[in-house]
Amino acid sequence: MIPTPTLPDFAPGAWRYARVSLALAVLLAVLFPPLAAVCVVTALVALWFHRDPPRSPPPSGVVAPADGRVSVVREEGDRVRVAVFMNVTDVHVNRAPMAGTVESVDHTPGRHLPAFTKESERNERVEIDCGEYDLTLIAGAVARRIHPYVEAGDDLERGEKVGHISFGSRADVLLPESYDREDVRVAKGQHVRAGETVVAATSE
């Protein structure tokens, strides 16, 4: 029996971005076919950007919150921050680095500077406080929409989807106090996969 083909999974709202281009393509199909083709390609790019492939979290360790390259590994007092920069070609669905309970979800308006620069500290962001650790989703130069999926009181599993950033850009995890710099398992510049790559683990 030939399996029935199915559409890939997309982040919520993906079709909203594609729908306008597809509608324009239909209207322009007779009037100006070349421009209609451009609209179809634009819609396909929007869908591809919001793709949401399945992931298989490991049984332990802190996993990457995003696909992309590690852009920051630094100590902040008695905590360690690991940041992942998402390029335009990366999957932009973000995942919980550890199990935990969401204590708060706070949105901070800001600028839209390149997320790999120091100035990005002033960018728009959504901070998800899980008590033991913090996850921050940061908009970039191209990103204009941060879409959290969670709210205060939600229980999270390691690798569970927590949101996505449309057309951008960076995700930071501030590790629990029990982790130190020696527990980090990735290096700056290393490519990681959300929900699968272990970015930190204790030796215990």
N, C-alpha and C. Protein backbone atom coordinates (compact mmCIF):
# COMPACT_ATOMS: atom_id res chain seq x y z
N MET A 1 0.85 -1.20 0.00
CA MET A 1 0.00 0.00 0.00
C MET A 1 0.88 1.25 0.00
N ILE A 2 0.60 2.18 -0.91
CA ILE A 2 1.39 3.41 -1.01
C ILE A 2 0.94 4.37 0.08
N PRO A 3 1.87 4.86 0.91
CA PRO A 3 1.47 5.78 1.98
C PRO A 3 0.94 7.09 1.41
N THR A 4 -0.04 7.65 2.09
CA THR A 4 -0.62 8.92 1.67
C THR A 4 0.31 10.06 2.07
N PRO A 5 0.73 10.90 1.12
CA PRO A 5 1.63 12.01 1.46
C PRO A 5 0.94 12.99 2.38
N THR A 6 1.67 13.55 3.31
CA THR A 6 1.13 14.53 4.24
C THR A 6 1.96 15.80 4.19
N LEU A 7 1.33 16.91 4.52
CA LEU A 7 2.05 18.18 4.58
C LEU A 7 2.96 18.21 5.81
N PRO A 8 4.10 18.86 5.71
CA PRO A 8 4.96 19.00 6.89
C PRO A 8 4.29 19.90 7.92
N ASP A 9 4.76 19.84 9.15
CA ASP A 9 4.23 20.71 10.20
C ASP A 9 4.84 22.10 10.07
N PHE A 10 4.00 23.11 10.37
CA PHE A 10 4.46 24.50 10.34
C PHE A 10 4.12 25.15 11.68
N ALA A 11 4.91 26.17 12.03
CA ALA A 11 4.62 26.94 13.23
C ALA A 11 3.29 27.66 13.07
N PRO A 12 2.56 27.88 14.18
CA PRO A 12 1.28 28.58 14.09
C PRO A 12 1.42 29.92 13.37
N GLY A 13 0.47 30.22 12.50
CA GLY A 13 0.49 31.49 11.79
C GLY A 13 1.24 31.46 10.47
N ALA A 14 1.87 30.32 10.14
CA ALA A 14 2.65 30.25 8.91
C ALA A 14 1.78 30.54 7.69
N TRP A 15 0.58 29.97 7.68
CA TRP A 15 -0.30 30.17 6.52
C TRP A 15 -0.78 31.60 6.43
N ARG A 16 -0.80 32.31 7.56
CA ARG A 16 -1.20 33.72 7.53
C ARG A 16 -0.22 34.53 6.69
N TYR A 17 1.06 34.22 6.84
CA TYR A 17 2.07 34.93 6.06
C TYR A 17 2.01 34.55 4.59
N ALA A 18 1.67 33.30 4.31
CA ALA A 18 1.66 32.82 2.93
C ALA A 18 0.36 33.17 2.19
N ARG A 19 -0.73 33.34 2.94
CA ARG A 19 -2.04 33.49 2.31
C ARG A 19 -2.13 34.72 1.41
N VAL A 20 -1.57 35.85 1.84
CA VAL A 20 -1.66 37.08 1.05
C VAL A 20 -0.95 36.90 -0.29
N SER A 21 0.24 36.31 -0.26
CA SER A 21 0.99 36.10 -1.50
C SER A 21 0.26 35.14 -2.43
N LEU A 22 -0.35 34.10 -1.86
CA LEU A 22 -1.08 33.15 -2.69
C LEU A 22 -2.32 33.80 -3.31
N ALA A 23 -3.00 34.65 -2.55
CA ALA A 23 -4.17 35.35 -3.09
C ALA A 23 -3.76 36.28 -4.23
N LEU A 24 -2.64 36.97 -4.06
CA LEU A 24 -2.15 37.84 -5.12
C LEU A 24 -1.76 37.04 -6.36
N ALA A 25 -1.20 35.86 -6.13
CA ALA A 25 -0.80 35.01 -7.26
C ALA A 25 -2.01 34.63 -8.10
N VAL A 26 -3.13 34.32 -7.43
CA VAL A 26 -4.35 33.96 -8.17
C VAL A 26 -4.84 35.15 -8.99
N LEU A 27 -4.82 36.33 -8.39
CA LEU A 27 -5.31 37.52 -9.08
C LEU A 27 -4.42 37.89 -10.26
N LEU A 28 -3.11 37.65 -10.13
CA LEU A 28 -2.16 38.05 -11.17
C LEU A 28 -1.90 36.96 -12.20
N ALA A 29 -2.44 35.76 -11.97
CA ALA A 29 -2.15 34.63 -12.85
C ALA A 29 -2.47 34.94 -14.31
N VAL A 30 -3.55 35.67 -14.55
CA VAL A 30 -3.95 36.02 -15.93
C VAL A 30 -3.37 37.37 -16.35
N LEU A 31 -3.37 38.33 -15.41
CA LEU A 31 -2.94 39.68 -15.75
C LEU A 31 -1.43 39.78 -15.98
N PHE A 32 -0.66 39.13 -15.12
CA PHE A 32 0.80 39.23 -15.21
C PHE A 32 1.44 37.98 -14.61
N PRO A 33 1.47 36.89 -15.36
CA PRO A 33 1.97 35.60 -14.84
C PRO A 33 3.34 35.64 -14.17
N PRO A 34 4.33 36.41 -14.71
CA PRO A 34 5.65 36.42 -14.03
C PRO A 34 5.57 36.90 -12.58
N LEU A 35 4.76 37.93 -12.36
CA LEU A 35 4.62 38.44 -10.99
C LEU A 35 3.84 37.46 -10.13
N ALA A 36 2.90 36.73 -10.74
CA ALA A 36 2.17 35.70 -10.01
C ALA A 36 3.13 34.62 -9.52
N ALA A 37 4.10 34.25 -10.38
CA ALA A 37 5.08 33.25 -10.00
C ALA A 37 5.93 33.72 -8.83
N VAL A 38 6.27 35.01 -8.83
CA VAL A 38 7.04 35.58 -7.72
C VAL A 38 6.25 35.48 -6.43
N CYS A 39 4.95 35.74 -6.50
CA CYS A 39 4.09 35.65 -5.30
C CYS A 39 4.04 34.23 -4.76
N VAL A 40 3.96 33.25 -5.68
CA VAL A 40 3.94 31.85 -5.25
C VAL A 40 5.25 31.50 -4.54
N VAL A 41 6.38 31.93 -5.10
CA VAL A 41 7.67 31.66 -4.48
C VAL A 41 7.75 32.31 -3.10
N THR A 42 7.24 33.54 -2.99
CA THR A 42 7.24 34.24 -1.70
C THR A 42 6.44 33.47 -0.65
N ALA A 43 5.30 32.93 -1.06
CA ALA A 43 4.47 32.14 -0.14
C ALA A 43 5.20 30.88 0.30
N LEU A 44 5.86 30.21 -0.64
CA LEU A 44 6.59 28.99 -0.31
C LEU A 44 7.75 29.28 0.63
N VAL A 45 8.42 30.40 0.43
CA VAL A 45 9.52 30.78 1.31
C VAL A 45 9.00 31.03 2.73
N ALA A 46 7.85 31.69 2.84
CA ALA A 46 7.26 31.97 4.16
C ALA A 46 6.93 30.66 4.88
N LEU A 47 6.37 29.70 4.14
CA LEU A 47 6.05 28.41 4.75
C LEU A 47 7.31 27.66 5.15
N TRP A 48 8.31 27.67 4.28
CA TRP A 48 9.57 26.99 4.58
C TRP A 48 10.23 27.59 5.82
N PHE A 49 10.18 28.90 5.93
CA PHE A 49 10.77 29.57 7.08
C PHE A 49 10.11 29.14 8.38
N HIS A 50 8.81 28.85 8.34
CA HIS A 50 8.07 28.47 9.55
C HIS A 50 7.93 26.96 9.71
N ARG A 51 8.78 26.20 9.04
CA ARG A 51 8.72 24.74 9.17
C ARG A 51 8.98 24.32 10.61
N ASP A 52 8.38 23.20 10.99
CA ASP A 52 8.44 22.75 12.38
C ASP A 52 8.71 21.25 12.41
N PRO A 53 9.95 20.85 12.13
CA PRO A 53 10.26 19.41 12.09
C PRO A 53 10.25 18.80 13.48
N PRO A 54 9.95 17.50 13.58
CA PRO A 54 9.95 16.82 14.89
C PRO A 54 11.36 16.71 15.44
N ARG A 55 11.47 16.68 16.74
CA ARG A 55 12.75 16.53 17.41
C ARG A 55 12.64 15.48 18.50
N SER A 56 13.78 14.83 18.81
CA SER A 56 13.81 13.78 19.83
C SER A 56 14.79 14.19 20.93
N PRO A 57 14.28 14.74 22.03
CA PRO A 57 15.16 15.20 23.11
C PRO A 57 15.90 14.04 23.77
N PRO A 58 17.13 14.27 24.21
CA PRO A 58 17.87 13.25 24.96
C PRO A 58 17.28 13.11 26.36
N PRO A 59 17.62 12.04 27.07
CA PRO A 59 17.04 11.81 28.39
C PRO A 59 17.54 12.76 29.48
N SER A 60 18.67 13.43 29.25
CA SER A 60 19.21 14.31 30.28
C SER A 60 20.00 15.44 29.65
N GLY A 61 20.38 16.39 30.47
CA GLY A 61 21.16 17.53 30.00
C GLY A 61 20.28 18.70 29.61
N VAL A 62 20.91 19.87 29.48
CA VAL A 62 20.23 21.07 29.02
C VAL A 62 20.34 21.11 27.50
N VAL A 63 19.22 21.17 26.81
CA VAL A 63 19.26 21.14 25.35
C VAL A 63 19.18 22.55 24.77
N ALA A 64 19.63 22.68 23.54
CA ALA A 64 19.61 23.97 22.86
C ALA A 64 18.18 24.47 22.71
N PRO A 65 17.94 25.76 22.95
CA PRO A 65 16.59 26.30 22.80
C PRO A 65 16.25 26.65 21.36
N ALA A 66 17.26 26.61 20.47
CA ALA A 66 17.03 27.02 19.09
C ALA A 66 18.01 26.33 18.17
N ASP A 67 17.65 26.25 16.89
CA ASP A 67 18.58 25.84 15.86
C ASP A 67 19.49 27.04 15.54
N GLY A 68 20.74 26.78 15.23
CA GLY A 68 21.63 27.87 14.85
C GLY A 68 23.03 27.65 15.38
N ARG A 69 23.75 28.74 15.51
CA ARG A 69 25.13 28.68 16.00
C ARG A 69 25.24 29.36 17.35
N VAL A 70 26.03 28.77 18.23
CA VAL A 70 26.25 29.34 19.55
C VAL A 70 26.98 30.67 19.38
N SER A 71 26.37 31.75 19.86
CA SER A 71 26.97 33.07 19.70
C SER A 71 27.52 33.63 20.99
N VAL A 72 27.07 33.11 22.13
CA VAL A 72 27.52 33.61 23.43
C VAL A 72 27.65 32.45 24.41
N VAL A 73 28.77 32.39 25.09
CA VAL A 73 28.94 31.53 26.27
C VAL A 73 29.69 32.39 27.28
N ARG A 74 28.99 32.85 28.32
CA ARG A 74 29.64 33.74 29.26
C ARG A 74 29.07 33.58 30.66
N GLU A 75 29.90 33.90 31.62
CA GLU A 75 29.50 33.88 33.02
C GLU A 75 28.89 35.23 33.38
N GLU A 76 27.79 35.20 34.10
CA GLU A 76 27.13 36.40 34.60
C GLU A 76 26.92 36.23 36.09
N GLY A 77 27.88 36.70 36.88
CA GLY A 77 27.83 36.45 38.31
C GLY A 77 28.04 34.98 38.57
N ASP A 78 27.08 34.35 39.25
CA ASP A 78 27.19 32.91 39.54
C ASP A 78 26.36 32.08 38.57
N ARG A 79 25.99 32.67 37.42
CA ARG A 79 25.21 31.97 36.41
C ARG A 79 25.99 31.97 35.09
N VAL A 80 25.59 31.08 34.19
CA VAL A 80 26.21 30.98 32.85
C VAL A 80 25.12 31.15 31.80
N ARG A 81 25.40 31.99 30.82
CA ARG A 81 24.46 32.21 29.73
C ARG A 81 24.99 31.56 28.45
N VAL A 82 24.10 30.85 27.75
CA VAL A 82 24.41 30.28 26.44
C VAL A 82 23.38 30.82 25.46
N ALA A 83 23.85 31.48 24.40
CA ALA A 83 22.96 32.07 23.41
C ALA A 83 23.15 31.41 22.06
N VAL A 84 22.04 31.25 21.33
CA VAL A 84 22.07 30.65 20.00
C VAL A 84 21.50 31.65 19.00
N PHE A 85 22.30 31.97 17.97
CA PHE A 85 21.85 32.87 16.92
C PHE A 85 21.25 32.06 15.78
N MET A 86 20.02 32.42 15.38
CA MET A 86 19.33 31.73 14.30
C MET A 86 19.51 32.49 13.00
N ASN A 87 20.13 31.84 12.02
CA ASN A 87 20.25 32.41 10.70
C ASN A 87 18.93 32.27 9.97
N VAL A 88 18.78 32.94 8.83
CA VAL A 88 17.51 32.87 8.09
C VAL A 88 17.23 31.46 7.59
N THR A 89 18.25 30.62 7.47
CA THR A 89 18.04 29.27 6.97
C THR A 89 17.71 28.26 8.07
N ASP A 90 17.78 28.68 9.33
CA ASP A 90 17.54 27.78 10.45
C ASP A 90 16.05 27.67 10.77
N VAL A 91 15.67 26.56 11.41
CA VAL A 91 14.32 26.42 11.95
C VAL A 91 14.17 27.44 13.08
N HIS A 92 13.02 28.11 13.14
CA HIS A 92 12.85 29.18 14.13
C HIS A 92 11.84 28.85 15.22
N VAL A 93 11.52 27.57 15.38
CA VAL A 93 10.69 27.13 16.50
C VAL A 93 11.62 26.90 17.69
N ASN A 94 11.26 27.46 18.83
CA ASN A 94 12.10 27.38 20.03
C ASN A 94 11.55 26.36 21.01
N ARG A 95 12.48 25.74 21.76
CA ARG A 95 12.11 24.64 22.65
C ARG A 95 12.69 24.84 24.06
N ALA A 96 12.00 24.25 25.03
CA ALA A 96 12.43 24.36 26.42
C ALA A 96 13.75 23.61 26.62
N PRO A 97 14.75 24.26 27.19
CA PRO A 97 16.03 23.59 27.41
C PRO A 97 16.00 22.55 28.53
N MET A 98 15.05 22.70 29.45
CA MET A 98 14.91 21.78 30.58
C MET A 98 13.43 21.68 30.95
N ALA A 99 13.12 20.67 31.74
CA ALA A 99 11.78 20.60 32.32
C ALA A 99 11.66 21.71 33.36
N GLY A 100 10.45 22.14 33.61
CA GLY A 100 10.24 23.19 34.60
C GLY A 100 8.83 23.73 34.53
N THR A 101 8.53 24.65 35.43
CA THR A 101 7.22 25.30 35.46
C THR A 101 7.40 26.78 35.15
N VAL A 102 6.62 27.28 34.21
CA VAL A 102 6.72 28.69 33.82
C VAL A 102 6.17 29.56 34.95
N GLU A 103 7.00 30.47 35.44
CA GLU A 103 6.56 31.39 36.50
C GLU A 103 6.03 32.69 35.92
N SER A 104 6.62 33.12 34.80
CA SER A 104 6.14 34.34 34.16
C SER A 104 6.62 34.39 32.72
N VAL A 105 5.87 35.14 31.89
CA VAL A 105 6.24 35.40 30.50
C VAL A 105 6.10 36.90 30.28
N ASP A 106 7.22 37.58 30.06
CA ASP A 106 7.22 39.04 29.96
C ASP A 106 7.75 39.50 28.61
N HIS A 107 6.99 40.39 27.98
CA HIS A 107 7.39 40.97 26.70
C HIS A 107 7.97 42.36 26.93
N THR A 108 9.15 42.63 26.36
CA THR A 108 9.79 43.94 26.47
C THR A 108 9.98 44.52 25.08
N PRO A 109 9.31 45.63 24.75
CA PRO A 109 9.51 46.26 23.44
C PRO A 109 10.96 46.73 23.31
N GLY A 110 11.40 46.86 22.09
CA GLY A 110 12.77 47.34 21.89
C GLY A 110 13.09 47.50 20.42
N ARG A 111 14.37 47.59 20.14
CA ARG A 111 14.83 47.81 18.77
C ARG A 111 14.94 46.48 18.03
N HIS A 112 15.32 46.56 16.75
CA HIS A 112 15.49 45.36 15.93
C HIS A 112 16.85 45.43 15.25
N LEU A 113 17.89 45.36 16.08
CA LEU A 113 19.26 45.39 15.60
C LEU A 113 19.73 43.95 15.36
N PRO A 114 20.80 43.76 14.57
CA PRO A 114 21.31 42.40 14.34
C PRO A 114 21.54 41.67 15.65
N ALA A 115 20.99 40.46 15.76
CA ALA A 115 20.99 39.73 17.03
C ALA A 115 22.35 39.18 17.41
N PHE A 116 23.32 39.21 16.50
CA PHE A 116 24.65 38.69 16.83
C PHE A 116 25.57 39.79 17.35
N THR A 117 25.06 41.02 17.49
CA THR A 117 25.89 42.12 17.97
C THR A 117 25.59 42.42 19.43
N LYS A 118 26.50 43.13 20.08
CA LYS A 118 26.33 43.50 21.48
C LYS A 118 25.13 44.43 21.65
N GLU A 119 24.85 45.25 20.62
CA GLU A 119 23.74 46.20 20.69
C GLU A 119 22.38 45.51 20.77
N SER A 120 22.34 44.22 20.45
CA SER A 120 21.06 43.50 20.47
C SER A 120 20.49 43.37 21.88
N GLU A 121 21.28 43.73 22.91
CA GLU A 121 20.77 43.70 24.27
C GLU A 121 19.59 44.66 24.43
N ARG A 122 19.44 45.61 23.48
CA ARG A 122 18.34 46.57 23.54
C ARG A 122 17.17 46.15 22.64
N ASN A 123 17.23 44.97 22.06
CA ASN A 123 16.19 44.53 21.14
C ASN A 123 14.92 44.08 21.86
N GLU A 124 13.84 44.03 21.08
CA GLU A 124 12.59 43.46 21.58
C GLU A 124 12.83 42.03 22.03
N ARG A 125 12.17 41.61 23.12
CA ARG A 125 12.40 40.28 23.66
C ARG A 125 11.19 39.77 24.43
N VAL A 126 11.16 38.46 24.60
CA VAL A 126 10.19 37.81 25.48
C VAL A 126 11.00 36.94 26.44
N GLU A 127 10.83 37.19 27.73
CA GLU A 127 11.56 36.44 28.76
C GLU A 127 10.61 35.44 29.43
N ILE A 128 11.01 34.18 29.38
CA ILE A 128 10.23 33.10 29.99
C ILE A 128 10.99 32.64 31.23
N ASP A 129 10.46 32.99 32.39
CA ASP A 129 11.09 32.66 33.67
C ASP A 129 10.55 31.33 34.16
N CYS A 130 11.45 30.35 34.26
CA CYS A 130 11.05 29.03 34.75
C CYS A 130 11.64 28.76 36.13
N GLY A 131 11.93 29.84 36.86
CA GLY A 131 12.43 29.69 38.23
C GLY A 131 13.88 29.28 38.26
N GLU A 132 14.15 28.02 38.00
CA GLU A 132 15.51 27.50 38.06
C GLU A 132 16.35 28.02 36.89
N TYR A 133 15.71 28.27 35.76
CA TYR A 133 16.43 28.80 34.61
C TYR A 133 15.55 29.82 33.89
N ASP A 134 16.17 30.64 33.03
CA ASP A 134 15.45 31.64 32.25
C ASP A 134 15.72 31.42 30.77
N LEU A 135 14.69 31.59 29.95
CA LEU A 135 14.82 31.50 28.50
C LEU A 135 14.37 32.83 27.92
N THR A 136 15.20 33.42 27.06
CA THR A 136 14.89 34.70 26.45
C THR A 136 14.88 34.58 24.94
N LEU A 137 13.78 34.97 24.32
CA LEU A 137 13.66 35.00 22.86
C LEU A 137 13.85 36.44 22.41
N ILE A 138 14.81 36.68 21.52
CA ILE A 138 15.20 38.03 21.14
C ILE A 138 14.98 38.25 19.64
N ALA A 139 14.28 39.31 19.30
CA ALA A 139 14.08 39.66 17.90
C ALA A 139 15.37 40.25 17.34
N GLY A 140 15.52 40.16 16.01
CA GLY A 140 16.73 40.68 15.36
C GLY A 140 16.41 41.73 14.32
N ALA A 141 17.33 41.92 13.37
CA ALA A 141 17.17 42.96 12.36
C ALA A 141 16.01 42.66 11.42
N VAL A 142 15.78 41.37 11.14
CA VAL A 142 14.70 40.98 10.23
C VAL A 142 13.45 40.59 11.00
N ALA A 143 13.64 40.02 12.18
CA ALA A 143 12.49 39.54 12.97
C ALA A 143 11.61 40.69 13.41
N ARG A 144 10.31 40.47 13.36
CA ARG A 144 9.35 41.48 13.81
C ARG A 144 8.27 40.89 14.71
N ARG A 145 8.26 39.59 14.89
CA ARG A 145 7.19 38.97 15.68
C ARG A 145 7.75 37.83 16.53
N ILE A 146 7.58 37.94 17.84
CA ILE A 146 7.93 36.86 18.75
C ILE A 146 6.61 36.25 19.24
N HIS A 147 6.47 34.94 19.06
CA HIS A 147 5.20 34.27 19.38
C HIS A 147 5.42 33.22 20.47
N PRO A 148 5.24 33.57 21.75
CA PRO A 148 5.34 32.55 22.81
C PRO A 148 4.12 31.66 22.79
N TYR A 149 4.32 30.37 23.11
CA TYR A 149 3.22 29.41 23.18
C TYR A 149 2.80 29.14 24.62
N VAL A 150 3.56 29.65 25.58
CA VAL A 150 3.35 29.26 26.98
C VAL A 150 2.92 30.46 27.81
N GLU A 151 2.42 30.16 29.00
CA GLU A 151 2.04 31.20 29.95
C GLU A 151 2.34 30.72 31.35
N ALA A 152 2.25 31.65 32.31
CA ALA A 152 2.55 31.31 33.70
C ALA A 152 1.70 30.13 34.17
N GLY A 153 2.35 29.19 34.85
CA GLY A 153 1.67 28.01 35.37
C GLY A 153 1.83 26.78 34.51
N ASP A 154 2.30 26.93 33.28
CA ASP A 154 2.47 25.77 32.40
C ASP A 154 3.66 24.93 32.84
N ASP A 155 3.48 23.62 32.82
CA ASP A 155 4.57 22.68 33.09
C ASP A 155 5.21 22.28 31.77
N LEU A 156 6.52 22.36 31.71
CA LEU A 156 7.25 22.06 30.48
C LEU A 156 8.09 20.81 30.61
N GLU A 157 8.20 20.09 29.51
CA GLU A 157 9.12 18.97 29.42
C GLU A 157 10.34 19.41 28.62
N ARG A 158 11.47 18.73 28.83
CA ARG A 158 12.67 19.03 28.06
C ARG A 158 12.37 18.88 26.57
N GLY A 159 12.70 19.92 25.79
CA GLY A 159 12.50 19.88 24.36
C GLY A 159 11.11 20.26 23.89
N GLU A 160 10.22 20.60 24.80
CA GLU A 160 8.86 20.99 24.41
C GLU A 160 8.88 22.35 23.71
N LYS A 161 8.03 22.52 22.71
CA LYS A 161 7.96 23.79 21.99
C LYS A 161 7.41 24.89 22.89
N VAL A 162 8.10 26.04 22.90
CA VAL A 162 7.67 27.15 23.75
C VAL A 162 7.34 28.41 22.95
N GLY A 163 7.66 28.42 21.66
CA GLY A 163 7.36 29.60 20.85
C GLY A 163 8.15 29.59 19.56
N HIS A 164 7.96 30.64 18.77
CA HIS A 164 8.78 30.82 17.58
C HIS A 164 8.93 32.30 17.29
N ILE A 165 9.97 32.62 16.55
CA ILE A 165 10.22 34.00 16.15
C ILE A 165 10.10 34.06 14.64
N SER A 166 9.14 34.84 14.14
CA SER A 166 8.96 34.95 12.70
C SER A 166 10.07 35.82 12.10
N PHE A 167 10.87 35.22 11.25
CA PHE A 167 11.93 35.92 10.52
C PHE A 167 13.02 36.46 11.45
N GLY A 168 13.46 35.66 12.44
CA GLY A 168 14.58 36.02 13.31
C GLY A 168 14.66 35.06 14.49
N SER A 169 15.49 35.07 15.61
CA SER A 169 16.75 35.67 15.48
C SER A 169 17.72 35.18 16.58
N ARG A 170 17.36 35.11 17.89
CA ARG A 170 18.28 34.62 18.90
C ARG A 170 17.51 34.09 20.11
N ALA A 171 18.06 33.05 20.74
CA ALA A 171 17.46 32.51 21.97
C ALA A 171 18.57 32.27 22.98
N ASP A 172 18.37 32.78 24.21
CA ASP A 172 19.34 32.65 25.29
C ASP A 172 18.77 31.77 26.40
N VAL A 173 19.63 30.95 26.98
CA VAL A 173 19.24 30.24 28.19
C VAL A 173 20.23 30.62 29.29
N LEU A 174 19.70 31.11 30.41
CA LEU A 174 20.51 31.39 31.59
C LEU A 174 20.40 30.16 32.47
N LEU A 175 21.50 29.43 32.56
CA LEU A 175 21.50 28.13 33.23
C LEU A 175 21.24 28.25 34.73
N PRO A 176 20.76 27.17 35.34
CA PRO A 176 20.59 27.17 36.80
C PRO A 176 21.92 27.41 37.52
N GLU A 177 21.85 27.86 38.76
CA GLU A 177 23.05 28.16 39.53
C GLU A 177 23.92 26.93 39.75
N SER A 178 23.32 25.74 39.66
CA SER A 178 24.08 24.51 39.88
C SER A 178 25.02 24.18 38.72
N TYR A 179 24.90 24.90 37.60
CA TYR A 179 25.79 24.69 36.45
C TYR A 179 26.86 25.76 36.43
N ASP A 180 28.10 25.36 36.13
CA ASP A 180 29.17 26.34 35.97
C ASP A 180 29.76 26.23 34.57
N ARG A 181 30.76 27.03 34.31
CA ARG A 181 31.33 27.11 32.96
C ARG A 181 31.85 25.75 32.49
N GLU A 182 32.37 24.94 33.38
CA GLU A 182 32.91 23.64 33.02
C GLU A 182 31.82 22.65 32.60
N ASP A 183 30.56 22.95 32.93
CA ASP A 183 29.46 22.06 32.56
C ASP A 183 28.95 22.32 31.14
N VAL A 184 29.40 23.42 30.53
CA VAL A 184 28.95 23.74 29.17
C VAL A 184 29.59 22.75 28.19
N ARG A 185 28.77 22.19 27.30
CA ARG A 185 29.23 21.16 26.37
C ARG A 185 29.35 21.66 24.93
N VAL A 186 29.17 22.96 24.70
CA VAL A 186 29.28 23.51 23.35
C VAL A 186 30.26 24.67 23.36
N ALA A 187 30.73 25.04 22.17
CA ALA A 187 31.67 26.15 22.04
C ALA A 187 31.07 27.20 21.11
N LYS A 188 31.54 28.42 21.25
CA LYS A 188 31.07 29.51 20.40
C LYS A 188 31.34 29.15 18.94
N GLY A 189 30.31 29.34 18.10
CA GLY A 189 30.43 29.02 16.68
C GLY A 189 29.92 27.65 16.31
N GLN A 190 29.65 26.81 17.30
CA GLN A 190 29.16 25.45 17.03
C GLN A 190 27.70 25.48 16.63
N HIS A 191 27.34 24.67 15.63
CA HIS A 191 25.95 24.58 15.21
C HIS A 191 25.20 23.59 16.11
N VAL A 192 23.99 23.98 16.54
CA VAL A 192 23.19 23.15 17.44
C VAL A 192 21.78 23.01 16.89
N ARG A 193 21.06 22.00 17.39
CA ARG A 193 19.67 21.75 17.00
C ARG A 193 18.77 21.86 18.23
N ALA A 194 17.70 22.64 18.09
CA ALA A 194 16.77 22.85 19.20
C ALA A 194 16.19 21.54 19.69
N GLY A 195 16.22 21.36 21.00
CA GLY A 195 15.60 20.18 21.60
C GLY A 195 16.42 18.92 21.52
N GLU A 196 17.58 18.94 20.85
CA GLU A 196 18.37 17.72 20.68
C GLU A 196 19.83 17.89 21.13
N THR A 197 20.47 18.97 20.75
CA THR A 197 21.88 19.15 21.13
C THR A 197 22.01 19.52 22.61
N VAL A 198 22.81 18.79 23.35
CA VAL A 198 23.04 19.09 24.75
C VAL A 198 24.04 20.24 24.85
N VAL A 199 23.63 21.35 25.45
CA VAL A 199 24.52 22.50 25.57
C VAL A 199 25.20 22.55 26.94
N ALA A 200 24.65 21.85 27.92
CA ALA A 200 25.25 21.81 29.26
C ALA A 200 24.79 20.56 29.99
N ALA A 201 25.69 20.01 30.80
CA ALA A 201 25.35 18.82 31.58
C ALA A 201 26.32 18.73 32.74
N THR A 202 25.80 18.36 33.90
CA THR A 202 26.68 18.19 35.06
C THR A 202 27.35 16.83 35.00
N SER A 203 28.44 16.68 35.72
CA SER A 203 29.20 15.44 35.72
C SER A 203 28.61 14.41 36.66
N GLU A 204 27.63 14.81 37.44
CA GLU A 204 27.02 13.89 38.41
C GLU A 204 26.11 12.88 37.71
